[in-house]
Amino acid sequence: MKGYDKLGDFGQQVFDRTHKRHLAAMGTAEKPKYHRDRIKSVRANNKERCIEVKFNNGELFKYYADGTWG
């Protein structure tokens, strides 16, 4: 996915952990829409202290270091 390598070690850990929790919170029908292969790009947003995750379906989620998303 575009931008993952630019996140650095801490950003990658935040992404990996939060994405796993995000998928676990979804129903079976929704999960395939949000797998890693459906992610268009990720980028660090230092101002908001989050990782912005853009999916191919146009949705944007913000993953935070405490393991939450919005």
PDB file of N, CA and C in Angstrom:
ATOM      1  N   MET A   1       0.833  -1.177   0.000  1.00  0.00           N
ATOM      2  CA  MET A   1       0.000   0.000   0.000  1.00  0.00           C
ATOM      3  C   MET A   1       0.876   1.238   0.000  1.00  0.00           C
ATOM      4  N   LYS A   2       0.423   2.250  -0.667  1.00  0.00           N
ATOM      5  CA  LYS A   2       1.196   3.478  -0.816  1.00  0.00           C
ATOM      6  C   LYS A   2       1.347   4.180   0.537  1.00  0.00           C
ATOM      7  N   GLY A   3       2.586   4.536   0.866  1.00  0.00           N
ATOM      8  CA  GLY A   3       2.869   5.307   2.055  1.00  0.00           C
ATOM      9  C   GLY A   3       3.256   4.517   3.289  1.00  0.00           C
ATOM     10  N   TYR A   4       3.048   3.216   3.293  1.00  0.00           N
ATOM     11  CA  TYR A   4       3.336   2.411   4.483  1.00  0.00           C
ATOM     12  C   TYR A   4       4.801   2.506   4.885  1.00  0.00           C
ATOM     13  N   ASP A   5       5.693   2.438   3.913  1.00  0.00           N
ATOM     14  CA  ASP A   5       7.129   2.491   4.204  1.00  0.00           C
ATOM     15  C   ASP A   5       7.563   3.830   4.804  1.00  0.00           C
ATOM     16  N   LYS A   6       6.802   4.880   4.538  1.00  0.00           N
ATOM     17  CA  LYS A   6       7.150   6.209   5.047  1.00  0.00           C
ATOM     18  C   LYS A   6       6.669   6.448   6.476  1.00  0.00           C
ATOM     19  N   LEU A   7       5.895   5.524   7.039  1.00  0.00           N
ATOM     20  CA  LEU A   7       5.357   5.719   8.386  1.00  0.00           C
ATOM     21  C   LEU A   7       6.402   5.576   9.478  1.00  0.00           C
ATOM     22  N   GLY A   8       7.455   4.847   9.221  1.00  0.00           N
ATOM     23  CA  GLY A   8       8.447   4.568  10.255  1.00  0.00           C
ATOM     24  C   GLY A   8       7.974   3.424  11.136  1.00  0.00           C
ATOM     25  N   ASP A   9       8.840   2.968  12.014  1.00  0.00           N
ATOM     26  CA  ASP A   9       8.524   1.803  12.850  1.00  0.00           C
ATOM     27  C   ASP A   9       7.309   2.028  13.740  1.00  0.00           C
ATOM     28  N   PHE A  10       7.266   3.157  14.443  1.00  0.00           N
ATOM     29  CA  PHE A  10       6.153   3.415  15.350  1.00  0.00           C
ATOM     30  C   PHE A  10       4.839   3.550  14.580  1.00  0.00           C
ATOM     31  N   GLY A  11       4.852   4.285  13.486  1.00  0.00           N
ATOM     32  CA  GLY A  11       3.648   4.444  12.673  1.00  0.00           C
ATOM     33  C   GLY A  11       3.150   3.129  12.119  1.00  0.00           C
ATOM     34  N   GLN A  12       4.068   2.272  11.703  1.00  0.00           N
ATOM     35  CA  GLN A  12       3.674   0.959  11.189  1.00  0.00           C
ATOM     36  C   GLN A  12       3.053   0.113  12.288  1.00  0.00           C
ATOM     37  N   GLN A  13       3.608   0.196  13.498  1.00  0.00           N
ATOM     38  CA  GLN A  13       3.041  -0.547  14.625  1.00  0.00           C
ATOM     39  C   GLN A  13       1.635  -0.053  14.943  1.00  0.00           C
ATOM     40  N   VAL A  14       1.457   1.254  14.957  1.00  0.00           N
ATOM     41  CA  VAL A  14       0.125   1.834  15.213  1.00  0.00           C
ATOM     42  C   VAL A  14      -0.847   1.354  14.144  1.00  0.00           C
ATOM     43  N   PHE A  15      -0.434   1.439  12.887  1.00  0.00           N
ATOM     44  CA  PHE A  15      -1.304   1.005  11.800  1.00  0.00           C
ATOM     45  C   PHE A  15      -1.661  -0.471  11.939  1.00  0.00           C
ATOM     46  N   ASP A  16      -0.657  -1.323  12.075  1.00  0.00           N
ATOM     47  CA  ASP A  16      -0.881  -2.774  12.118  1.00  0.00           C
ATOM     48  C   ASP A  16      -1.817  -3.161  13.262  1.00  0.00           C
ATOM     49  N   ARG A  17      -1.551  -2.639  14.447  1.00  0.00           N
ATOM     50  CA  ARG A  17      -2.360  -2.976  15.622  1.00  0.00           C
ATOM     51  C   ARG A  17      -3.801  -2.466  15.475  1.00  0.00           C
ATOM     52  N   THR A  18      -3.938  -1.225  15.039  1.00  0.00           N
ATOM     53  CA  THR A  18      -5.271  -0.626  14.941  1.00  0.00           C
ATOM     54  C   THR A  18      -6.069  -1.224  13.801  1.00  0.00           C
ATOM     55  N   HIS A  19      -5.417  -1.513  12.693  1.00  0.00           N
ATOM     56  CA  HIS A  19      -6.130  -2.134  11.570  1.00  0.00           C
ATOM     57  C   HIS A  19      -6.665  -3.507  11.976  1.00  0.00           C
ATOM     58  N   LYS A  20      -5.875  -4.252  12.703  1.00  0.00           N
ATOM     59  CA  LYS A  20      -6.321  -5.572  13.180  1.00  0.00           C
ATOM     60  C   LYS A  20      -7.559  -5.424  14.070  1.00  0.00           C
ATOM     61  N   ARG A  21      -7.542  -4.460  14.984  1.00  0.00           N
ATOM     62  CA  ARG A  21      -8.696  -4.214  15.865  1.00  0.00           C
ATOM     63  C   ARG A  21      -9.906  -3.724  15.071  1.00  0.00           C
ATOM     64  N   HIS A  22      -9.652  -2.877  14.080  1.00  0.00           N
ATOM     65  CA  HIS A  22     -10.719  -2.351  13.233  1.00  0.00           C
ATOM     66  C   HIS A  22     -11.434  -3.490  12.514  1.00  0.00           C
ATOM     67  N   LEU A  23     -10.661  -4.393  11.920  1.00  0.00           N
ATOM     68  CA  LEU A  23     -11.268  -5.538  11.229  1.00  0.00           C
ATOM     69  C   LEU A  23     -12.044  -6.430  12.195  1.00  0.00           C
ATOM     70  N   ALA A  24     -11.513  -6.641  13.388  1.00  0.00           N
ATOM     71  CA  ALA A  24     -12.166  -7.503  14.372  1.00  0.00           C
ATOM     72  C   ALA A  24     -13.515  -6.945  14.808  1.00  0.00           C
ATOM     73  N   ALA A  25     -13.683  -5.641  14.713  1.00  0.00           N
ATOM     74  CA  ALA A  25     -14.936  -5.009  15.126  1.00  0.00           C
ATOM     75  C   ALA A  25     -16.016  -5.081  14.043  1.00  0.00           C
ATOM     76  N   MET A  26     -15.643  -5.536  12.854  1.00  0.00           N
ATOM     77  CA  MET A  26     -16.585  -5.576  11.725  1.00  0.00           C
ATOM     78  C   MET A  26     -17.272  -6.926  11.618  1.00  0.00           C
ATOM     79  N   GLY A  27     -18.399  -6.897  10.957  1.00  0.00           N
ATOM     80  CA  GLY A  27     -19.107  -8.125  10.644  1.00  0.00           C
ATOM     81  C   GLY A  27     -18.432  -8.852   9.497  1.00  0.00           C
ATOM     82  N   THR A  28     -18.769 -10.095   9.320  1.00  0.00           N
ATOM     83  CA  THR A  28     -18.162 -10.941   8.294  1.00  0.00           C
ATOM     84  C   THR A  28     -18.316 -10.369   6.889  1.00  0.00           C
ATOM     85  N   ALA A  29     -19.459  -9.788   6.594  1.00  0.00           N
ATOM     86  CA  ALA A  29     -19.700  -9.247   5.256  1.00  0.00           C
ATOM     87  C   ALA A  29     -18.879  -7.991   4.977  1.00  0.00           C
ATOM     88  N   GLU A  30     -18.576  -7.220   6.009  1.00  0.00           N
ATOM     89  CA  GLU A  30     -17.842  -5.971   5.836  1.00  0.00           C
ATOM     90  C   GLU A  30     -16.330  -6.163   5.731  1.00  0.00           C
ATOM     91  N   LYS A  31     -15.801  -7.161   6.411  1.00  0.00           N
ATOM     92  CA  LYS A  31     -14.344  -7.341   6.494  1.00  0.00           C
ATOM     93  C   LYS A  31     -13.619  -7.323   5.149  1.00  0.00           C
ATOM     94  N   PRO A  32     -14.107  -8.039   4.135  1.00  0.00           N
ATOM     95  CA  PRO A  32     -13.363  -8.057   2.864  1.00  0.00           C
ATOM     96  C   PRO A  32     -13.172  -6.674   2.240  1.00  0.00           C
ATOM     97  N   LYS A  33     -14.061  -5.733   2.533  1.00  0.00           N
ATOM     98  CA  LYS A  33     -13.966  -4.384   1.966  1.00  0.00           C
ATOM     99  C   LYS A  33     -12.830  -3.574   2.571  1.00  0.00           C
ATOM    100  N   TYR A  34     -12.299  -4.043   3.714  1.00  0.00           N
ATOM    101  CA  TYR A  34     -11.314  -3.263   4.459  1.00  0.00           C
ATOM    102  C   TYR A  34      -9.993  -4.008   4.696  1.00  0.00           C
ATOM    103  N   HIS A  35      -9.777  -5.104   3.972  1.00  0.00           N
ATOM    104  CA  HIS A  35      -8.503  -5.821   4.077  1.00  0.00           C
ATOM    105  C   HIS A  35      -7.380  -4.935   3.558  1.00  0.00           C
ATOM    106  N   ARG A  36      -6.166  -5.302   3.906  1.00  0.00           N
ATOM    107  CA  ARG A  36      -4.984  -4.526   3.512  1.00  0.00           C
ATOM    108  C   ARG A  36      -4.901  -4.309   2.004  1.00  0.00           C
ATOM    109  N   ASP A  37      -5.327  -5.293   1.229  1.00  0.00           N
ATOM    110  CA  ASP A  37      -5.245  -5.150  -0.218  1.00  0.00           C
ATOM    111  C   ASP A  37      -6.268  -4.167  -0.777  1.00  0.00           C
ATOM    112  N   ARG A  38      -7.168  -3.687   0.061  1.00  0.00           N
ATOM    113  CA  ARG A  38      -8.176  -2.696  -0.342  1.00  0.00           C
ATOM    114  C   ARG A  38      -7.811  -1.279   0.126  1.00  0.00           C
ATOM    115  N   ILE A  39      -6.612  -1.117   0.659  1.00  0.00           N
ATOM    116  CA  ILE A  39      -6.164   0.187   1.128  1.00  0.00           C
ATOM    117  C   ILE A  39      -5.433   0.905   0.000  1.00  0.00           C
ATOM    118  N   LYS A  40      -5.884   2.095  -0.304  1.00  0.00           N
ATOM    119  CA  LYS A  40      -5.285   2.902  -1.364  1.00  0.00           C
ATOM    120  C   LYS A  40      -3.991   3.546  -0.880  1.00  0.00           C
ATOM    121  N   SER A  41      -4.021   4.148   0.319  1.00  0.00           N
ATOM    122  CA  SER A  41      -2.818   4.801   0.837  1.00  0.00           C
ATOM    123  C   SER A  41      -2.934   5.030   2.339  1.00  0.00           C
ATOM    124  N   VAL A  42      -1.785   5.222   2.951  1.00  0.00           N
ATOM    125  CA  VAL A  42      -1.715   5.598   4.365  1.00  0.00           C
ATOM    126  C   VAL A  42      -0.712   6.737   4.493  1.00  0.00           C
ATOM    127  N   ARG A  43      -0.955   7.615   5.461  1.00  0.00           N
ATOM    128  CA  ARG A  43       0.002   8.693   5.700  1.00  0.00           C
ATOM    129  C   ARG A  43      -0.130   9.173   7.129  1.00  0.00           C
ATOM    130  N   ALA A  44       0.988   9.622   7.673  1.00  0.00           N
ATOM    131  CA  ALA A  44       0.998  10.172   9.024  1.00  0.00           C
ATOM    132  C   ALA A  44       0.432  11.584   8.989  1.00  0.00           C
ATOM    133  N   ASN A  45      -0.444  11.871   9.928  1.00  0.00           N
ATOM    134  CA  ASN A  45      -0.951  13.225  10.121  1.00  0.00           C
ATOM    135  C   ASN A  45      -0.431  13.666  11.484  1.00  0.00           C
ATOM    136  N   ASN A  46       0.713  14.325  11.489  1.00  0.00           N
ATOM    137  CA  ASN A  46       1.360  14.701  12.744  1.00  0.00           C
ATOM    138  C   ASN A  46       0.558  15.727  13.530  1.00  0.00           C
ATOM    139  N   LYS A  47      -0.154  16.590  12.853  1.00  0.00           N
ATOM    140  CA  LYS A  47      -0.950  17.617  13.530  1.00  0.00           C
ATOM    141  C   LYS A  47      -2.036  16.982  14.400  1.00  0.00           C
ATOM    142  N   GLU A  48      -2.706  15.966  13.856  1.00  0.00           N
ATOM    143  CA  GLU A  48      -3.778  15.284  14.589  1.00  0.00           C
ATOM    144  C   GLU A  48      -3.285  14.026  15.310  1.00  0.00           C
ATOM    145  N   ARG A  49      -1.988  13.741  15.160  1.00  0.00           N
ATOM    146  CA  ARG A  49      -1.370  12.563  15.781  1.00  0.00           C
ATOM    147  C   ARG A  49      -2.117  11.268  15.445  1.00  0.00           C
ATOM    148  N   CYS A  50      -2.237  11.025  14.149  1.00  0.00           N
ATOM    149  CA  CYS A  50      -2.927   9.819  13.692  1.00  0.00           C
ATOM    150  C   CYS A  50      -2.338   9.360  12.366  1.00  0.00           C
ATOM    151  N   ILE A  51      -2.773   8.189  11.950  1.00  0.00           N
ATOM    152  CA  ILE A  51      -2.446   7.646  10.633  1.00  0.00           C
ATOM    153  C   ILE A  51      -3.732   7.711   9.815  1.00  0.00           C
ATOM    154  N   GLU A  52      -3.694   8.402   8.699  1.00  0.00           N
ATOM    155  CA  GLU A  52      -4.866   8.483   7.825  1.00  0.00           C
ATOM    156  C   GLU A  52      -4.824   7.309   6.852  1.00  0.00           C
ATOM    157  N   VAL A  53      -5.909   6.558   6.819  1.00  0.00           N
ATOM    158  CA  VAL A  53      -5.995   5.358   5.992  1.00  0.00           C
ATOM    159  C   VAL A  53      -7.111   5.549   4.977  1.00  0.00           C
ATOM    160  N   LYS A  54      -6.739   5.600   3.702  1.00  0.00           N
ATOM    161  CA  LYS A  54      -7.715   5.771   2.627  1.00  0.00           C
ATOM    162  C   LYS A  54      -7.931   4.424   1.948  1.00  0.00           C
ATOM    163  N   PHE A  55      -9.190   4.035   1.864  1.00  0.00           N
ATOM    164  CA  PHE A  55      -9.547   2.771   1.236  1.00  0.00           C
ATOM    165  C   PHE A  55      -9.989   3.012  -0.206  1.00  0.00           C
ATOM    166  N   ASN A  56      -9.928   1.955  -1.016  1.00  0.00           N
ATOM    167  CA  ASN A  56     -10.311   2.048  -2.422  1.00  0.00           C
ATOM    168  C   ASN A  56     -11.766   2.471  -2.602  1.00  0.00           C
ATOM    169  N   ASN A  57     -12.615   2.206  -1.604  1.00  0.00           N
ATOM    170  CA  ASN A  57     -14.028   2.572  -1.711  1.00  0.00           C
ATOM    171  C   ASN A  57     -14.274   4.042  -1.379  1.00  0.00           C
ATOM    172  N   GLY A  58     -13.194   4.797  -1.101  1.00  0.00           N
ATOM    173  CA  GLY A  58     -13.304   6.224  -0.837  1.00  0.00           C
ATOM    174  C   GLY A  58     -13.373   6.597   0.629  1.00  0.00           C
ATOM    175  N   GLU A  59     -13.520   5.628   1.506  1.00  0.00           N
ATOM    176  CA  GLU A  59     -13.597   5.934   2.932  1.00  0.00           C
ATOM    177  C   GLU A  59     -12.229   6.281   3.494  1.00  0.00           C
ATOM    178  N   LEU A  60     -12.244   7.170   4.485  1.00  0.00           N
ATOM    179  CA  LEU A  60     -11.033   7.580   5.184  1.00  0.00           C
ATOM    180  C   LEU A  60     -11.239   7.339   6.668  1.00  0.00           C
ATOM    181  N   PHE A  61     -10.296   6.641   7.270  1.00  0.00           N
ATOM    182  CA  PHE A  61     -10.307   6.431   8.715  1.00  0.00           C
ATOM    183  C   PHE A  61      -9.023   6.995   9.278  1.00  0.00           C
ATOM    184  N   LYS A  62      -9.106   7.456  10.516  1.00  0.00           N
ATOM    185  CA  LYS A  62      -7.932   7.930  11.230  1.00  0.00           C
ATOM    186  C   LYS A  62      -7.643   6.947  12.350  1.00  0.00           C
ATOM    187  N   TYR A  63      -6.449   6.368  12.318  1.00  0.00           N
ATOM    188  CA  TYR A  63      -6.019   5.405  13.319  1.00  0.00           C
ATOM    189  C   TYR A  63      -5.123   6.122  14.343  1.00  0.00           C
ATOM    190  N   TYR A  64      -5.448   5.955  15.606  1.00  0.00           N
ATOM    191  CA  TYR A  64      -4.729   6.640  16.680  1.00  0.00           C
ATOM    192  C   TYR A  64      -3.852   5.666  17.457  1.00  0.00           C
ATOM    193  N   ALA A  65      -2.837   6.218  18.123  1.00  0.00           N
ATOM    194  CA  ALA A  65      -1.852   5.414  18.836  1.00  0.00           C
ATOM    195  C   ALA A  65      -2.458   4.586  19.978  1.00  0.00           C
ATOM    196  N   ASP A  66      -3.612   5.007  20.498  1.00  0.00           N
ATOM    197  CA  ASP A  66      -4.246   4.245  21.574  1.00  0.00           C
ATOM    198  C   ASP A  66      -5.075   3.073  21.053  1.00  0.00           C
ATOM    199  N   GLY A  67      -5.014   2.824  19.726  1.00  0.00           N
ATOM    200  CA  GLY A  67      -5.706   1.690  19.135  1.00  0.00           C
ATOM    201  C   GLY A  67      -7.130   1.971  18.704  1.00  0.00           C
ATOM    202  N   THR A  68      -7.539   3.244  18.747  1.00  0.00           N
ATOM    203  CA  THR A  68      -8.891   3.608  18.315  1.00  0.00           C
ATOM    204  C   THR A  68      -8.841   4.170  16.908  1.00  0.00           C
ATOM    205  N   TRP A  69      -9.989   4.350  16.326  1.00  0.00           N
ATOM    206  CA  TRP A  69     -10.092   4.900  14.984  1.00  0.00           C
ATOM    207  C   TRP A  69     -11.351   5.750  14.895  1.00  0.00           C
ATOM    208  N   GLY A  70     -11.363   6.567  13.908  1.00  0.00           N
ATOM    209  CA  GLY A  70     -12.523   7.424  13.712  1.00  0.00           C
ATOM    210  C   GLY A  70     -12.650   7.839  12.267  1.00  0.00           C
TER     211      GLY A  70
END
